[in-house]
């Protein structure tokens, strides 16, 4: 399985932080992690979104346990090419960092330049283009690529970045470790209508196993060189199932529906309790983020963990989230939000 770089939340009971719960779990199934004491906790971290279908998905695990050696990488590549816009060719890596590095090396080879601009998420979410445009215009002749995470970026912003890249003669790379297969089966390109020269997909491609992908034009991918080890056949077998399910079951639509329900219900609770004065909810429904006062956030993480919900600031959904899980989450918020508002001595609004 993938080695996850997990962030541990400070404060509260260290035994309840996500890295510890995941490492010591006696069972992982669907949206749930079961501890040694038999207590099950709802997982809304999902290894930073790598677990797209849920833990130990039976169909994925069966395929990975007995991978058919003949033609698996080619079949996965063909599925990706059919699903991701402008995917003329596909290459595979074992990690997201290797995949991004490989895309950058290819862009440098094609353009004959060494520079790269990484668009900060805060900039893309805010849609603030002025500083970025000034820097790209100033250094455009040195840029091989502009790299952006398109999750939560408005289509108008992505279109403007596409124009910037064209003006600078640079490649536009979408790092879709979070958005691919989640916001739309075709990723951010299909959702926004903006063409990227290369798209990088993260380990959600194989439901958490060590497989990432880079798609792009034949010109770019013909000079792509693998940066890491050859991915294992079990990861390709898992990815084959994941991509089949994404197309067959429209996983992205399911995530959007349940995510929208969580967002709508939680917004009402933030208003009713007064917690909305300390934190706000934003982002794509499949990856909605609750952020604001740092101390309140930390206390909320700990309180939700004690109520059986693993949460690190974002509701990162998997396809195993259904009505039961949504109900568990909202009941946990009902038990902790009012108490935390009182603890932090903020004016509390009452419903009605």
Protein backbone atom coordinates (compact mmCIF):
# COMPACT_ATOMS: atom_id res chain seq x y z
CA UNK A 1 0.00 0.00 0.00
CA UNK A 2 0.99 3.65 -0.38
CA UNK A 3 3.13 5.22 2.34
CA UNK A 4 1.02 8.18 3.41
CA UNK A 5 2.52 11.42 4.73
CA UNK A 6 -0.06 12.15 7.40
CA UNK A 7 -0.38 15.32 9.45
CA UNK A 8 -0.91 14.81 13.16
CA UNK A 9 -3.11 17.34 14.93
CA UNK A 10 -1.53 18.64 18.12
CA UNK A 11 -3.58 18.86 21.28
CA UNK A 12 -6.11 16.48 22.78
CA UNK A 13 -5.51 12.78 23.21
CA UNK A 14 -2.53 11.74 21.02
CA UNK A 15 -4.04 8.25 20.78
CA UNK A 16 -6.88 9.75 18.74
CA UNK A 17 -4.84 11.57 16.13
CA UNK A 18 -5.35 10.27 12.60
CA UNK A 19 -1.89 8.83 11.99
CA UNK A 20 -2.10 6.84 15.22
CA UNK A 21 -5.66 5.63 14.62
CA UNK A 22 -4.78 4.53 11.08
CA UNK A 23 -1.55 2.82 12.12
CA UNK A 24 -3.13 0.89 14.98
CA UNK A 25 -6.48 0.09 13.37
CA UNK A 26 -7.46 -3.56 13.63
CA UNK A 27 -9.94 -3.17 10.79
CA UNK A 28 -10.40 -0.83 7.80
CA UNK A 29 -13.63 -1.18 5.90
CA UNK A 30 -15.47 1.30 3.72
CA UNK A 31 -15.59 4.63 5.54
CA UNK A 32 -14.69 3.13 8.95
CA UNK A 33 -11.56 2.42 10.97
CA UNK A 34 -11.94 -0.06 13.85
CA UNK A 35 -9.56 0.22 16.82
CA UNK A 36 -8.18 -2.55 18.99
CA UNK A 37 -10.89 -1.89 21.58
CA UNK A 38 -13.58 -2.49 18.95
CA UNK A 39 -14.55 1.18 18.60
CA UNK A 40 -15.26 2.18 14.99
CA UNK A 41 -14.50 5.72 13.78
CA UNK A 42 -15.74 7.43 10.65
CA UNK A 43 -12.79 8.31 8.38
CA UNK A 44 -13.12 11.72 6.70
CA UNK A 45 -9.38 11.99 6.01
CA UNK A 46 -9.10 8.92 3.77
CA UNK A 47 -5.29 9.15 3.67
CA UNK A 48 -5.51 12.66 2.24
CA UNK A 49 -8.02 11.58 -0.36
CA UNK A 50 -6.10 8.55 -1.65
CA UNK A 51 -8.88 6.15 -0.65
CA UNK A 52 -11.44 7.02 -3.31
CA UNK A 53 -13.76 4.00 -3.05
CA UNK A 54 -13.36 3.26 0.67
CA UNK A 55 -11.00 1.05 2.66
CA UNK A 56 -10.59 -2.54 1.50
CA UNK A 57 -13.12 -2.28 -1.29
CA UNK A 58 -13.95 -5.96 -2.05
CA UNK A 59 -13.74 -5.59 -5.84
CA UNK A 60 -10.42 -3.74 -5.68
CA UNK A 61 -8.90 -6.16 -3.18
CA UNK A 62 -9.97 -9.21 -5.17
CA UNK A 63 -8.38 -7.83 -8.33
CA UNK A 64 -5.16 -6.86 -6.53
CA UNK A 65 -4.87 -10.27 -4.89
CA UNK A 66 -4.70 -12.02 -8.25
CA UNK A 67 -3.60 -9.54 -10.92
CA UNK A 68 -3.72 -10.72 -14.52
CA UNK A 69 -0.22 -10.03 -15.79
CA UNK A 70 -1.23 -9.69 -19.44
CA UNK A 71 -1.93 -6.17 -20.63
CA UNK A 72 -2.87 -4.51 -17.32
CA UNK A 73 -0.80 -1.30 -17.70
CA UNK A 74 -2.01 -0.86 -21.26
CA UNK A 75 -5.63 -1.38 -20.20
CA UNK A 76 -5.35 1.20 -17.42
CA UNK A 77 -3.71 3.64 -19.84
CA UNK A 78 -6.54 3.10 -22.33
CA UNK A 79 -9.17 3.70 -19.64
CA UNK A 80 -7.45 6.95 -18.63
CA UNK A 81 -7.11 8.10 -22.24
CA UNK A 82 -10.85 7.54 -22.72
CA UNK A 83 -11.75 9.38 -19.53
CA UNK A 84 -9.32 12.34 -19.25
CA UNK A 85 -9.61 15.05 -21.93
CA UNK A 86 -6.57 15.55 -24.19
CA UNK A 87 -4.86 12.41 -22.82
CA UNK A 88 -3.04 11.39 -25.99
CA UNK A 89 -0.48 9.36 -24.02
CA UNK A 90 -0.08 8.13 -20.44
CA UNK A 91 2.89 7.37 -18.17
CA UNK A 92 2.92 5.88 -14.68
CA UNK A 93 4.85 6.55 -11.46
CA UNK A 94 4.69 5.17 -7.92
CA UNK A 95 4.28 8.53 -6.16
CA UNK A 96 2.73 11.93 -6.78
CA UNK A 97 6.05 13.70 -6.26
CA UNK A 98 7.73 11.53 -8.90
CA UNK A 99 4.84 12.11 -11.31
CA UNK A 100 5.04 15.91 -10.93
CA UNK A 101 8.83 15.81 -11.28
CA UNK A 102 8.56 13.71 -14.43
CA UNK A 103 6.04 16.11 -15.97
CA UNK A 104 8.35 19.05 -15.21
CA UNK A 105 11.39 17.31 -16.71
CA UNK A 106 9.38 16.59 -19.87
CA UNK A 107 8.23 20.23 -20.05
CA UNK A 108 11.81 21.42 -19.71
CA UNK A 109 12.93 19.07 -22.47
CA UNK A 110 10.20 20.25 -24.86
CA UNK A 111 10.60 23.99 -24.16
CA UNK A 112 14.35 24.09 -23.61
CA UNK A 113 13.78 26.12 -20.43
CA UNK A 114 14.43 25.42 -16.75
CA UNK A 115 11.95 27.58 -14.82
CA UNK A 116 8.65 26.53 -13.27
CA UNK A 117 5.93 28.54 -11.52
CA UNK A 118 3.89 26.78 -8.85
CA UNK A 119 0.58 28.56 -8.34
CA UNK A 120 -0.26 28.69 -4.63
CA UNK A 121 -3.66 27.24 -3.67
CA UNK A 122 -4.60 30.41 -1.82
CA UNK A 123 -4.01 32.37 -5.04
CA UNK A 124 -6.03 29.98 -7.20
CA UNK A 125 -8.95 29.81 -4.76
CA UNK A 126 -9.03 33.60 -4.37
CA UNK A 127 -8.72 34.02 -8.13
CA UNK A 128 -6.08 36.71 -7.69
CA UNK A 129 -4.18 36.91 -10.97
CA UNK A 130 -2.39 40.27 -10.82
CA UNK A 131 0.81 39.26 -8.99
CA UNK A 132 1.04 35.99 -10.86
CA UNK A 133 0.57 37.67 -14.23
CA UNK A 134 3.25 40.23 -13.45
CA UNK A 135 5.78 37.57 -12.48
CA UNK A 136 4.98 35.31 -15.43
CA UNK A 137 5.26 38.22 -17.88
CA UNK A 138 8.55 39.29 -16.30
CA UNK A 139 10.10 35.80 -16.32
CA UNK A 140 8.06 34.19 -19.09
CA UNK A 141 11.04 33.50 -21.32
CA UNK A 142 12.51 31.28 -18.59
CA UNK A 143 9.39 29.28 -17.76
CA UNK A 144 8.99 25.70 -18.89
CA UNK A 145 5.75 25.17 -17.01
CA UNK A 146 3.07 26.61 -14.76
CA UNK A 147 1.84 24.05 -12.21
CA UNK A 148 -1.51 24.50 -10.51
CA UNK A 149 -3.82 22.46 -8.28
CA UNK A 150 -7.20 23.17 -9.90
CA UNK A 151 -9.40 22.03 -7.00
CA UNK A 152 -11.67 24.98 -6.04
CA UNK A 153 -10.21 27.28 -8.71
CA UNK A 154 -12.90 29.02 -10.76
CA UNK A 155 -13.05 28.16 -14.48
CA UNK A 156 -12.48 31.83 -15.29
CA UNK A 157 -9.24 31.76 -13.29
CA UNK A 158 -8.06 28.57 -15.00
CA UNK A 159 -8.84 30.10 -18.39
CA UNK A 160 -6.77 33.16 -17.47
CA UNK A 161 -3.86 30.94 -16.37
CA UNK A 162 -4.14 29.05 -19.68
CA UNK A 163 -3.78 32.37 -21.52
CA UNK A 164 -0.79 33.29 -19.35
CA UNK A 165 0.92 30.00 -20.14
CA UNK A 166 0.30 30.46 -23.86
CA UNK A 167 1.64 34.01 -23.72
CA UNK A 168 4.78 32.81 -21.96
CA UNK A 169 5.21 29.77 -24.20
CA UNK A 170 5.03 27.53 -21.11
CA UNK A 171 3.30 24.22 -20.49
CA UNK A 172 0.27 24.22 -18.17
CA UNK A 173 0.29 21.30 -15.73
CA UNK A 174 -2.73 20.40 -13.60
CA UNK A 175 -1.68 18.62 -10.41
CA UNK A 176 -4.91 16.71 -9.81
CA UNK A 177 -3.90 14.63 -6.82
CA UNK A 178 -7.07 15.91 -5.14
CA UNK A 179 -9.48 16.72 -7.95
CA UNK A 180 -9.04 13.91 -10.50
CA UNK A 181 -11.87 11.34 -10.47
CA UNK A 182 -13.47 13.33 -7.63
CA UNK A 183 -14.89 16.60 -8.97
CA UNK A 184 -15.74 14.98 -12.31
CA UNK A 185 -14.86 11.65 -13.88
CA UNK A 186 -12.73 13.60 -16.37
CA UNK A 187 -11.16 15.79 -13.69
CA UNK A 188 -10.80 19.56 -13.68
CA UNK A 189 -10.38 19.80 -17.45
CA UNK A 190 -13.77 18.21 -18.06
CA UNK A 191 -15.38 20.34 -15.34
CA UNK A 192 -13.88 23.67 -16.40
CA UNK A 193 -13.41 23.22 -20.12
CA UNK A 194 -9.80 24.40 -19.79
CA UNK A 195 -7.12 22.36 -21.55
CA UNK A 196 -3.95 21.43 -19.67
CA UNK A 197 -0.80 20.26 -21.44
CA UNK A 198 -0.33 17.60 -18.77
CA UNK A 199 -2.45 16.21 -15.94
CA UNK A 200 -1.02 14.45 -12.90
CA UNK A 201 -3.25 11.98 -11.06
CA UNK A 202 -2.52 10.84 -7.50
CA UNK A 203 -2.84 7.51 -5.63
CA UNK A 204 -6.65 7.70 -5.58
CA UNK A 205 -6.19 6.22 -9.07
CA UNK A 206 -5.52 2.83 -7.40
CA UNK A 207 -7.56 3.46 -4.22
CA UNK A 208 -4.44 4.22 -2.21
CA UNK A 209 -1.92 1.86 -3.74
CA UNK A 210 1.35 3.18 -5.10
CA UNK A 211 0.29 4.25 -8.57
CA UNK A 212 0.08 7.74 -10.05
CA UNK A 213 -0.22 8.81 -13.66
CA UNK A 214 0.71 11.63 -16.02
CA UNK A 215 -1.37 12.23 -19.14
CA UNK A 216 -0.71 14.69 -21.93
CA UNK A 217 0.15 15.26 -25.56
CA UNK A 218 2.25 12.82 -27.56
CA UNK A 219 4.89 15.54 -27.94
CA UNK A 220 5.24 15.96 -24.17
CA UNK A 221 4.86 12.34 -23.15
CA UNK A 222 7.31 11.06 -25.77
CA UNK A 223 10.13 12.62 -23.74
CA UNK A 224 8.75 11.61 -20.33
CA UNK A 225 11.26 9.67 -18.23
CA UNK A 226 10.21 7.70 -15.14
CA UNK A 227 11.59 9.21 -11.95
CA UNK A 228 10.80 6.35 -9.55
CA UNK A 229 10.42 2.59 -9.55
CA UNK A 230 8.23 0.56 -11.88
CA UNK A 231 4.73 0.38 -10.31
CA UNK A 232 3.58 -3.03 -9.13
CA UNK A 233 1.03 -5.06 -11.08
CA UNK A 234 -1.25 -5.18 -8.03
CA UNK A 235 -1.56 -1.38 -8.23
CA UNK A 236 -2.52 -1.59 -11.91
CA UNK A 237 -5.11 -4.25 -11.07
CA UNK A 238 -6.58 -1.96 -8.42
CA UNK A 239 -6.57 1.01 -10.81
CA UNK A 240 -8.34 -1.05 -13.47
CA UNK A 241 -11.21 -1.64 -11.03
CA UNK A 242 -11.24 1.97 -9.79
CA UNK A 243 -11.51 3.41 -13.29
CA UNK A 244 -14.20 0.90 -14.21
CA UNK A 245 -16.21 1.88 -11.13
CA UNK A 246 -15.69 5.61 -11.71
CA UNK A 247 -17.18 5.22 -15.19
CA UNK A 248 -19.86 2.68 -14.28
CA UNK A 249 -21.15 4.11 -11.01
CA UNK A 250 -20.34 7.80 -11.59
CA UNK A 251 -18.42 8.02 -8.33
CA UNK A 252 -17.86 11.75 -8.75
CA UNK A 253 -21.59 12.44 -8.87
CA UNK A 254 -22.17 10.39 -5.72
CA UNK A 255 -19.45 12.34 -3.89
CA UNK A 256 -21.01 15.61 -5.02
CA UNK A 257 -24.49 14.62 -3.82
CA UNK A 258 -23.46 13.46 -0.35
CA UNK A 259 -20.95 16.29 -0.06
CA UNK A 260 -23.61 18.87 -0.89
CA UNK A 261 -25.84 17.40 1.83
CA UNK A 262 -23.03 17.68 4.39
CA UNK A 263 -22.27 21.27 3.35
CA UNK A 264 -25.92 22.38 3.51
CA UNK A 265 -26.62 20.72 6.86
CA UNK A 266 -23.38 21.90 8.44
CA UNK A 267 -23.90 25.49 7.24
CA UNK A 268 -27.20 25.56 9.13
CA UNK A 269 -25.51 24.23 12.27
CA UNK A 270 -22.71 26.80 12.08
CA UNK A 271 -25.30 29.58 11.93
CA UNK A 272 -27.58 28.12 14.62
CA UNK A 273 -24.78 27.61 17.16
CA UNK A 274 -22.76 30.73 16.38
CA UNK A 275 -19.75 28.62 15.37
CA UNK A 276 -19.87 30.37 12.02
CA UNK A 277 -18.30 33.37 13.74
CA UNK A 278 -15.14 31.30 14.25
CA UNK A 279 -14.97 28.98 11.25
CA UNK A 280 -16.39 28.95 7.74
CA UNK A 281 -17.04 26.23 5.21
CA UNK A 282 -15.84 26.40 1.63
CA UNK A 283 -14.56 24.30 -1.24
CA UNK A 284 -15.82 21.54 -3.51
CA UNK A 285 -18.52 19.40 -1.85
CA UNK A 286 -16.38 16.29 -2.20
CA UNK A 287 -13.54 18.01 -0.29
CA UNK A 288 -15.18 20.80 1.74
CA UNK A 289 -12.88 22.65 4.13
CA UNK A 290 -13.78 24.07 7.55
CA UNK A 291 -11.30 26.79 8.51
CA UNK A 292 -10.96 29.90 10.64
CA UNK A 293 -9.86 30.45 14.24
CA UNK A 294 -6.90 28.10 14.76
CA UNK A 295 -7.58 27.31 18.42
CA UNK A 296 -11.22 26.52 17.67
CA UNK A 297 -10.22 24.32 14.74
CA UNK A 298 -7.82 22.30 16.90
CA UNK A 299 -10.43 21.87 19.63
CA UNK A 300 -12.96 20.79 17.02
CA UNK A 301 -10.63 18.11 15.59
CA UNK A 302 -10.13 16.67 19.06
CA UNK A 303 -13.82 16.83 19.99
CA UNK A 304 -14.90 15.10 16.78
CA UNK A 305 -12.29 12.38 17.30
CA UNK A 306 -13.72 11.71 20.73
CA UNK A 307 -17.14 11.38 19.08
CA UNK A 308 -15.77 8.82 16.62
CA UNK A 309 -15.06 11.04 13.60
CA UNK A 310 -11.55 11.40 12.18
CA UNK A 311 -11.32 14.89 10.68
CA UNK A 312 -8.37 17.18 9.89
CA UNK A 313 -10.08 20.27 8.53
CA UNK A 314 -11.58 18.82 5.36
CA UNK A 315 -14.49 16.47 4.74
CA UNK A 316 -12.72 14.22 2.21
CA UNK A 317 -15.34 11.79 1.00
CA UNK A 318 -14.99 8.32 -0.41
CA UNK A 319 -17.57 6.42 -2.43
CA UNK A 320 -18.39 4.37 0.67
CA UNK A 321 -20.02 7.44 2.28
CA UNK A 322 -23.80 7.00 2.37
CA UNK A 323 -26.72 8.13 4.52
CA UNK A 324 -25.47 6.31 7.65
CA UNK A 325 -22.10 8.06 7.51
CA UNK A 326 -23.61 11.48 6.84
CA UNK A 327 -25.94 10.99 9.80
CA UNK A 328 -23.04 9.94 12.06
CA UNK A 329 -21.08 13.05 11.09
CA UNK A 330 -23.95 15.49 11.61
CA UNK A 331 -24.87 13.98 14.99
CA UNK A 332 -21.25 14.36 16.07
CA UNK A 333 -21.33 18.04 15.08
CA UNK A 334 -24.61 18.43 17.01
CA UNK A 335 -22.90 17.14 20.14
CA UNK A 336 -19.75 19.26 19.94
CA UNK A 337 -20.43 22.60 18.23
CA UNK A 338 -22.56 24.24 20.92
CA UNK A 339 -20.26 23.06 23.69
CA UNK A 340 -17.18 24.43 21.91
CA UNK A 341 -18.86 27.78 21.23
CA UNK A 342 -19.64 28.08 24.96
CA UNK A 343 -16.09 27.03 25.83
CA UNK A 344 -14.64 29.78 23.64
CA UNK A 345 -17.12 32.34 25.07
CA UNK A 346 -18.55 33.46 21.76
CA UNK A 347 -22.12 34.77 21.48
CA UNK A 348 -24.25 31.83 20.53
CA UNK A 349 -27.27 32.06 18.28
CA UNK A 350 -30.24 29.85 18.94
CA UNK A 351 -32.37 28.41 16.19
CA UNK A 352 -35.95 29.59 16.03
